[in-house]
N, C-alpha and C. Protein backbone atom coordinates (compact mmCIF):
# COMPACT_ATOMS: atom_id res chain seq x y z
N UNK A 1 64.35 24.95 82.13
CA UNK A 1 64.37 25.98 80.85
C UNK A 1 62.62 25.25 80.59
N UNK A 2 61.92 26.72 80.25
CA UNK A 2 60.31 26.64 80.06
C UNK A 2 60.28 27.60 78.75
N UNK A 3 60.94 28.27 78.14
CA UNK A 3 61.10 28.60 77.11
C UNK A 3 60.46 27.58 75.34
N UNK A 4 60.34 27.94 74.73
CA UNK A 4 59.72 27.40 73.66
C UNK A 4 61.13 26.70 72.77
N UNK A 5 62.74 27.04 73.32
CA UNK A 5 63.75 26.40 72.52
C UNK A 5 64.01 25.25 72.70
N UNK A 6 63.30 24.89 74.03
CA UNK A 6 63.59 23.94 75.05
C UNK A 6 63.25 22.63 74.29
N UNK A 7 64.53 21.63 73.90
CA UNK A 7 63.63 20.55 72.99
C UNK A 7 63.06 19.37 73.82
N UNK A 8 62.70 19.68 75.10
CA UNK A 8 61.56 18.70 75.86
C UNK A 8 60.36 19.66 75.91
N UNK A 9 60.13 20.44 75.57
CA UNK A 9 59.02 21.53 75.54
C UNK A 9 58.38 21.08 74.64
N UNK A 10 56.89 20.85 74.77
CA UNK A 10 55.86 20.61 73.79
C UNK A 10 55.48 21.59 72.79
N UNK A 11 55.76 22.76 73.29
CA UNK A 11 55.50 23.70 72.37
C UNK A 11 56.44 24.27 71.18
N UNK A 12 57.26 23.36 71.30
CA UNK A 12 59.08 23.79 70.59
C UNK A 12 58.46 23.02 69.07
N UNK A 13 58.64 23.76 68.24
CA UNK A 13 57.85 24.15 67.09
C UNK A 13 58.68 22.34 66.51
N UNK A 14 59.54 21.97 66.49
CA UNK A 14 60.63 20.89 66.18
C UNK A 14 59.82 19.55 66.82
N UNK A 15 58.72 19.80 67.85
CA UNK A 15 58.54 18.64 68.49
C UNK A 15 56.92 18.72 68.06
N UNK A 16 56.62 19.23 67.12
CA UNK A 16 55.17 19.32 66.66
C UNK A 16 54.96 18.08 65.58
N UNK A 17 53.99 17.29 65.04
CA UNK A 17 53.78 16.38 64.42
C UNK A 17 54.04 17.21 62.80
N UNK A 18 54.63 16.68 62.12
CA UNK A 18 54.62 17.04 61.03
C UNK A 18 56.02 17.93 60.68
N UNK A 19 56.04 18.52 61.80
CA UNK A 19 57.57 19.63 61.56
C UNK A 19 58.87 19.00 61.63
N UNK A 20 59.67 19.57 61.18
CA UNK A 20 60.98 19.36 60.67
C UNK A 20 62.39 20.02 61.07
N UNK A 21 63.17 19.83 61.45
CA UNK A 21 64.48 20.57 62.20
C UNK A 21 64.76 21.91 61.20
N UNK A 22 64.80 21.24 59.86
CA UNK A 22 65.21 22.13 58.99
C UNK A 22 64.36 22.36 57.82
N UNK A 23 64.23 23.71 57.20
CA UNK A 23 63.06 23.64 56.09
C UNK A 23 63.56 22.99 54.83
N UNK A 24 64.70 22.28 55.00
CA UNK A 24 65.06 21.81 53.45
C UNK A 24 64.65 20.05 53.64
N UNK A 25 64.29 19.66 55.08
CA UNK A 25 63.75 18.28 55.04
C UNK A 25 62.39 18.67 54.86
N UNK A 26 61.47 17.33 54.42
CA UNK A 26 60.02 17.23 53.99
C UNK A 26 59.34 16.03 54.67
N UNK A 27 58.42 16.28 54.76
CA UNK A 27 58.08 14.86 55.80
C UNK A 27 57.08 14.24 54.15
N UNK A 28 56.40 13.06 54.11
CA UNK A 28 55.77 12.64 52.91
C UNK A 28 54.55 13.74 52.86
N UNK A 29 54.06 14.03 54.00
CA UNK A 29 52.56 14.81 53.94
C UNK A 29 52.81 16.25 52.87
N UNK A 30 54.08 16.55 53.50
CA UNK A 30 54.49 18.09 52.59
C UNK A 30 54.97 17.68 51.10
N UNK A 31 55.38 16.72 50.81
CA UNK A 31 55.93 16.35 49.62
C UNK A 31 54.62 15.87 48.64
N UNK A 32 53.71 15.56 48.95
CA UNK A 32 52.52 15.19 48.60
C UNK A 32 51.70 16.41 48.02
N UNK A 33 51.68 17.51 49.49
CA UNK A 33 51.15 18.75 48.89
C UNK A 33 52.06 19.26 47.94
N UNK A 34 53.05 19.34 47.84
CA UNK A 34 53.79 20.10 46.86
C UNK A 34 53.59 19.21 45.43
N UNK A 35 53.43 17.95 45.38
CA UNK A 35 53.28 17.13 44.18
C UNK A 35 52.10 17.45 43.73
N UNK A 36 51.07 17.63 44.15
CA UNK A 36 49.89 17.85 44.09
C UNK A 36 49.53 19.51 43.56
N UNK A 37 50.22 20.38 44.09
CA UNK A 37 50.14 21.61 43.34
C UNK A 37 50.78 21.71 42.17
N UNK A 38 51.89 21.06 41.61
CA UNK A 38 52.55 21.14 40.41
C UNK A 38 52.03 20.52 39.60
N UNK A 39 51.12 19.16 39.68
CA UNK A 39 50.66 18.51 38.61
C UNK A 39 49.07 18.82 38.61
N UNK A 40 49.09 19.37 37.36
CA UNK A 40 47.22 19.73 37.18
C UNK A 40 46.61 18.29 36.66
N UNK A 41 45.03 18.81 37.22
CA UNK A 41 44.42 17.28 36.94
C UNK A 41 44.42 16.66 35.93
N UNK A 42 44.55 15.39 35.49
CA UNK A 42 44.20 14.68 34.65
C UNK A 42 43.22 15.24 33.60
N UNK A 43 42.17 15.43 34.18
CA UNK A 43 40.91 15.49 33.14
C UNK A 43 41.07 17.05 32.34
N UNK A 44 41.97 17.78 33.04
CA UNK A 44 42.17 19.37 32.37
C UNK A 44 43.35 18.93 31.51
N UNK A 45 44.13 18.41 31.69
CA UNK A 45 45.61 18.19 30.74
C UNK A 45 44.79 17.32 29.44
N UNK A 46 43.65 16.71 29.44
CA UNK A 46 43.03 15.55 28.72
C UNK A 46 42.06 16.47 27.64
N UNK A 47 41.37 17.48 28.61
CA UNK A 47 40.62 18.59 28.28
C UNK A 47 41.24 19.44 27.06
N UNK A 48 42.63 20.22 27.65
CA UNK A 48 43.10 20.80 26.83
C UNK A 48 43.56 20.47 25.51
N UNK A 49 44.48 18.85 25.93
CA UNK A 49 44.75 18.14 24.45
C UNK A 49 43.96 18.01 23.77
N UNK A 50 42.32 17.87 23.71
CA UNK A 50 41.34 17.37 23.12
C UNK A 50 41.12 18.61 22.59
N UNK A 51 40.91 20.11 22.86
CA UNK A 51 40.56 20.92 22.48
C UNK A 51 41.55 21.41 21.46
N UNK A 52 42.94 21.58 21.25
CA UNK A 52 43.86 21.64 20.44
C UNK A 52 43.98 20.67 19.70
N UNK A 53 43.45 19.15 20.00
CA UNK A 53 43.41 18.12 18.80
C UNK A 53 42.39 18.04 17.69
N UNK A 54 41.37 18.83 18.12
CA UNK A 54 40.23 19.49 17.10
C UNK A 54 40.72 20.34 16.30
N UNK A 55 41.68 21.29 16.74
CA UNK A 55 42.14 22.24 15.54
C UNK A 55 43.13 21.50 14.90
N UNK A 56 44.25 20.72 15.14
CA UNK A 56 45.21 19.82 14.67
C UNK A 56 44.19 18.73 13.66
N UNK A 57 43.34 18.15 13.94
CA UNK A 57 42.45 17.41 13.22
C UNK A 57 41.76 18.02 11.82
N UNK A 58 41.46 19.13 12.04
CA UNK A 58 40.96 20.27 11.10
C UNK A 58 42.08 20.22 9.93
N UNK A 59 43.11 20.73 10.35
CA UNK A 59 44.13 20.69 9.55
C UNK A 59 44.61 19.66 9.01
N UNK A 60 44.47 18.37 9.58
CA UNK A 60 44.53 17.26 8.84
C UNK A 60 43.22 17.16 7.86
N UNK A 61 42.44 17.48 8.24
CA UNK A 61 41.15 17.19 7.17
C UNK A 61 41.45 18.20 5.88
N UNK A 62 41.90 19.64 6.31
CA UNK A 62 42.28 20.33 5.29
C UNK A 62 43.05 19.65 4.22
N UNK A 63 44.20 19.09 4.99
CA UNK A 63 45.26 18.26 3.82
C UNK A 63 44.86 17.02 3.21
N UNK A 64 43.64 16.64 3.50
CA UNK A 64 43.19 15.49 2.86
C UNK A 64 42.54 15.90 1.64
N UNK A 65 41.92 16.98 2.09
CA UNK A 65 40.44 17.66 1.09
C UNK A 65 41.78 18.41 -0.10
N UNK A 66 42.92 18.85 0.20
CA UNK A 66 44.17 19.33 -0.87
C UNK A 66 44.67 17.95 -1.43
N UNK A 67 44.65 16.79 -0.96
CA UNK A 67 45.14 15.87 -1.78
C UNK A 67 43.87 15.12 -2.33
N UNK A 68 43.11 15.29 -1.88
CA UNK A 68 41.38 14.95 -3.04
C UNK A 68 41.34 15.61 -3.86
N UNK A 69 41.31 16.87 -3.61
CA UNK A 69 41.57 18.09 -4.93
C UNK A 69 42.13 18.30 -5.88
N UNK A 70 43.65 18.08 -5.33
CA UNK A 70 44.88 18.32 -6.64
C UNK A 70 44.85 16.98 -7.26
N UNK A 71 44.64 15.79 -6.80
CA UNK A 71 44.62 14.53 -7.62
C UNK A 71 43.44 14.22 -8.14
N UNK A 72 41.96 14.94 -7.99
CA UNK A 72 41.43 14.75 -8.90
C UNK A 72 41.22 16.21 -10.01
N UNK A 73 41.76 17.24 -9.49
CA UNK A 73 41.79 18.52 -10.61
C UNK A 73 42.75 18.05 -11.41
N UNK A 74 43.87 16.85 -11.16
CA UNK A 74 45.10 16.70 -12.20
C UNK A 74 44.33 15.54 -13.56
N UNK A 75 43.66 14.61 -12.49
CA UNK A 75 42.96 13.82 -13.61
C UNK A 75 41.96 14.52 -14.16
N UNK A 76 41.10 15.85 -14.38
CA UNK A 76 40.34 16.20 -14.89
C UNK A 76 41.07 16.69 -16.22
N UNK A 77 42.36 17.34 -15.71
CA UNK A 77 43.03 17.71 -16.84
C UNK A 77 43.72 17.25 -17.71
N UNK A 78 43.95 15.68 -17.32
CA UNK A 78 44.28 14.49 -17.89
C UNK A 78 46.07 14.43 -17.79
N UNK A 79 46.24 14.92 -16.54
CA UNK A 79 47.53 14.82 -16.33
C UNK A 79 47.49 14.00 -14.79
N UNK A 80 48.67 13.86 -14.03
CA UNK A 80 49.02 13.20 -12.85
C UNK A 80 49.70 14.06 -11.95
N UNK A 81 49.83 13.65 -10.56
CA UNK A 81 50.50 14.53 -9.94
C UNK A 81 51.92 13.89 -9.68
N UNK A 82 52.72 15.20 -9.62
CA UNK A 82 54.17 15.25 -9.99
C UNK A 82 55.02 14.74 -8.69
N UNK A 83 55.99 14.24 -8.59
CA UNK A 83 56.70 13.26 -7.72
C UNK A 83 56.77 14.68 -6.20
N UNK A 84 57.16 15.74 -6.60
CA UNK A 84 57.31 16.85 -5.73
C UNK A 84 55.98 16.88 -5.06
N UNK A 85 54.67 16.95 -5.94
CA UNK A 85 53.77 17.07 -5.71
C UNK A 85 52.95 16.38 -4.68
N UNK A 86 53.38 14.86 -4.66
CA UNK A 86 52.90 13.94 -3.70
C UNK A 86 53.93 14.23 -2.50
N UNK A 87 55.06 14.59 -2.33
CA UNK A 87 55.92 15.03 -1.46
C UNK A 87 55.17 16.11 -0.37
N UNK A 88 54.59 17.21 -1.44
CA UNK A 88 54.04 18.29 -0.63
C UNK A 88 52.85 17.70 -0.07
N UNK A 89 51.84 17.17 -0.55
CA UNK A 89 50.98 16.66 -0.41
C UNK A 89 50.29 15.71 0.99
N UNK A 90 51.40 14.75 1.02
CA UNK A 90 51.77 13.88 1.82
C UNK A 90 52.15 14.54 3.16
N UNK A 91 53.18 15.35 2.82
CA UNK A 91 53.80 16.08 4.18
C UNK A 91 53.14 16.83 4.92
N UNK A 92 51.88 17.79 3.73
CA UNK A 92 51.13 18.14 4.46
C UNK A 92 49.98 17.76 5.41
N UNK A 93 49.72 16.39 4.83
CA UNK A 93 49.07 15.53 5.77
C UNK A 93 49.81 14.94 7.30
N UNK A 94 50.99 14.88 6.93
CA UNK A 94 51.44 14.66 7.96
C UNK A 94 52.20 15.43 8.82
N UNK A 95 52.05 16.77 8.41
CA UNK A 95 52.70 17.71 9.46
C UNK A 95 51.85 18.37 10.66
N UNK A 96 50.67 18.30 10.49
CA UNK A 96 49.84 18.32 11.60
C UNK A 96 49.83 17.20 12.87
N UNK A 97 50.24 15.86 12.44
CA UNK A 97 50.37 14.99 13.34
C UNK A 97 51.30 15.16 14.15
N UNK A 98 52.41 15.29 13.29
CA UNK A 98 53.79 14.75 13.88
C UNK A 98 54.15 16.37 14.69
N UNK A 99 53.36 17.45 14.40
CA UNK A 99 53.44 18.67 15.55
C UNK A 99 52.71 18.20 16.63
N UNK A 100 51.48 17.95 16.27
CA UNK A 100 50.73 17.83 17.68
C UNK A 100 51.17 16.67 18.86
N UNK A 101 51.67 15.68 18.11
CA UNK A 101 52.60 14.57 19.16
C UNK A 101 53.73 15.49 19.85
N UNK A 102 54.39 16.07 18.87
CA UNK A 102 55.53 16.57 19.31
C UNK A 102 55.34 17.88 20.18
N UNK A 103 53.95 18.34 20.55
CA UNK A 103 53.85 19.35 21.26
C UNK A 103 53.25 18.50 22.39
N UNK A 104 52.64 17.63 22.26
CA UNK A 104 52.03 16.81 23.42
C UNK A 104 53.35 16.58 24.58
N UNK A 105 54.33 15.72 23.68
CA UNK A 105 55.29 15.22 24.33
C UNK A 105 56.19 16.54 24.94
N UNK A 106 56.45 17.57 24.36
CA UNK A 106 57.04 18.65 24.66
C UNK A 106 56.15 19.18 26.03
N UNK A 107 55.04 19.12 26.21
CA UNK A 107 54.42 19.89 27.25
C UNK A 107 54.17 18.60 28.65
N UNK A 108 54.26 17.57 28.40
CA UNK A 108 54.42 16.67 29.83
C UNK A 108 54.85 17.23 30.78
N UNK A 109 54.45 17.00 31.87
CA UNK A 109 54.79 17.32 33.09
C UNK A 109 55.01 18.71 33.40
N UNK A 110 54.55 19.60 32.66
CA UNK A 110 53.81 21.23 32.48
C UNK A 110 52.94 21.38 33.33
N UNK A 111 52.69 22.88 33.65
CA UNK A 111 51.37 23.21 34.15
C UNK A 111 50.49 23.55 32.93
N UNK A 112 49.18 23.80 33.05
CA UNK A 112 48.30 23.67 32.23
C UNK A 112 48.47 25.06 31.39
N UNK A 113 48.88 25.89 31.69
CA UNK A 113 48.55 27.22 30.93
C UNK A 113 50.31 26.87 30.03
N UNK A 114 51.30 26.79 30.32
CA UNK A 114 52.36 26.54 29.83
C UNK A 114 52.23 25.34 28.45
N UNK A 115 51.47 24.77 28.67
CA UNK A 115 51.06 23.20 28.07
C UNK A 115 50.25 23.50 26.56
N UNK A 116 49.44 24.68 27.33
CA UNK A 116 48.23 25.50 26.01
C UNK A 116 49.17 26.22 25.04
N UNK A 117 49.75 26.93 25.99
CA UNK A 117 50.93 27.66 24.94
C UNK A 117 52.20 26.87 23.83
N UNK A 118 52.30 25.65 24.54
CA UNK A 118 53.05 24.97 23.33
C UNK A 118 52.09 24.59 22.16
N UNK A 119 51.05 23.94 22.47
CA UNK A 119 50.36 23.72 21.55
C UNK A 119 50.05 24.45 20.59
N UNK A 120 49.52 25.50 21.19
CA UNK A 120 49.29 26.96 20.39
C UNK A 120 50.39 27.39 19.12
N UNK A 121 51.66 26.96 20.40
CA UNK A 121 52.69 27.53 19.10
C UNK A 121 53.05 26.38 18.15
N UNK A 122 52.35 25.12 18.44
CA UNK A 122 52.67 24.12 16.99
C UNK A 122 51.31 24.54 16.51
N UNK A 123 50.16 24.94 16.74
CA UNK A 123 49.49 24.87 15.93
C UNK A 123 49.86 26.03 14.78
N UNK A 124 50.18 27.28 15.16
CA UNK A 124 50.84 28.45 14.45
C UNK A 124 51.97 27.99 13.66
N UNK A 125 52.56 27.12 13.81
CA UNK A 125 53.59 26.36 13.08
C UNK A 125 53.02 26.12 12.11
N UNK A 126 52.29 24.94 12.12
CA UNK A 126 51.52 23.66 11.21
C UNK A 126 50.98 25.19 10.33
N UNK A 127 50.05 25.86 10.66
CA UNK A 127 49.44 27.09 9.88
C UNK A 127 50.31 27.68 9.09
N UNK A 128 51.48 27.91 9.71
CA UNK A 128 52.06 28.89 8.65
C UNK A 128 52.90 27.80 7.69
N UNK A 129 53.53 26.99 8.05
CA UNK A 129 54.04 26.08 7.01
C UNK A 129 53.05 25.61 5.90
N UNK A 130 52.07 25.40 6.16
CA UNK A 130 50.81 24.85 5.28
C UNK A 130 50.63 25.67 4.40
N UNK A 131 50.59 27.21 4.49
CA UNK A 131 50.26 28.39 3.96
C UNK A 131 51.60 28.61 3.16
N UNK A 132 52.61 28.32 3.37
CA UNK A 132 53.87 28.47 2.77
C UNK A 132 53.73 27.34 1.50
N UNK A 133 53.83 26.34 1.97
CA UNK A 133 53.88 25.33 1.06
C UNK A 133 52.74 25.69 -0.04
N UNK A 134 51.82 26.17 0.47
CA UNK A 134 50.46 26.18 -0.96
C UNK A 134 51.41 27.61 -1.70
N UNK A 135 52.11 28.60 -0.96
CA UNK A 135 52.14 29.76 -1.76
C UNK A 135 53.17 29.68 -2.56
N UNK A 136 54.12 28.77 -2.22
CA UNK A 136 55.47 28.28 -2.86
C UNK A 136 55.29 28.01 -4.15
N UNK A 137 54.45 26.57 -3.77
CA UNK A 137 54.26 25.53 -4.97
C UNK A 137 52.91 25.63 -5.83
N UNK A 138 52.13 26.14 -5.31
CA UNK A 138 50.89 26.68 -5.84
C UNK A 138 50.18 25.15 -6.93
N UNK A 139 49.23 25.21 -7.26
CA UNK A 139 48.87 23.85 -8.09
C UNK A 139 49.37 23.54 -9.33
N UNK A 140 50.02 24.51 -10.05
CA UNK A 140 50.69 24.33 -11.37
C UNK A 140 51.80 23.20 -10.88
N UNK A 141 52.87 23.47 -9.71
CA UNK A 141 53.85 23.09 -9.61
C UNK A 141 53.64 21.68 -9.02
N UNK A 142 52.40 21.26 -8.48
CA UNK A 142 51.82 19.65 -7.86
C UNK A 142 51.89 19.19 -9.08
N UNK A 143 51.20 19.34 -10.09
CA UNK A 143 50.77 18.51 -11.42
C UNK A 143 52.29 18.57 -12.36
N UNK A 144 51.98 17.31 -12.86
CA UNK A 144 52.86 16.85 -14.13
C UNK A 144 52.61 17.09 -15.66
C-alpha cells in the first residue's frame, strides 16, 4: 500500500508529530493553545478592573460626601441622624464596594468583554439603587 491511509506511510496524517487519530484527543501543545486563547491577558484584566474600580470609587466618595453632609446638616439644625438615616448612609457607603467585589467575582474566568459588561451592569445597579435611596428617603427622613 502506498496511499496516505497506510499506517506505515510517513505522509499519513496520523504519523505526523502533534496529530492524533481522533479530533477528541488533544496533545499538550493543542491544550496550551486553546487555554491561551480562552484566558485574557492578565494586564488587560487588571486594566478593565482598575478603570471600573475608579467609577465604583467615585460612588464610594459620593457616599462619604452624603454621610458627612447629612451629619453636618443635622448638627447645624440642632438634631442628629436617625437610626434609619444611619442605615441608609452606611448602606450607601457599602453598596458600591460589595457590588464591585461581587462583579469581579462573577467575572472571573470570563473573556474581557463579558467581564466589562458585568462590571458595567454592577455600576448601573449601584447608580440606580443610590438614586432610589436618595429619592425615597430624602434629607428629612434621615434626621430625627
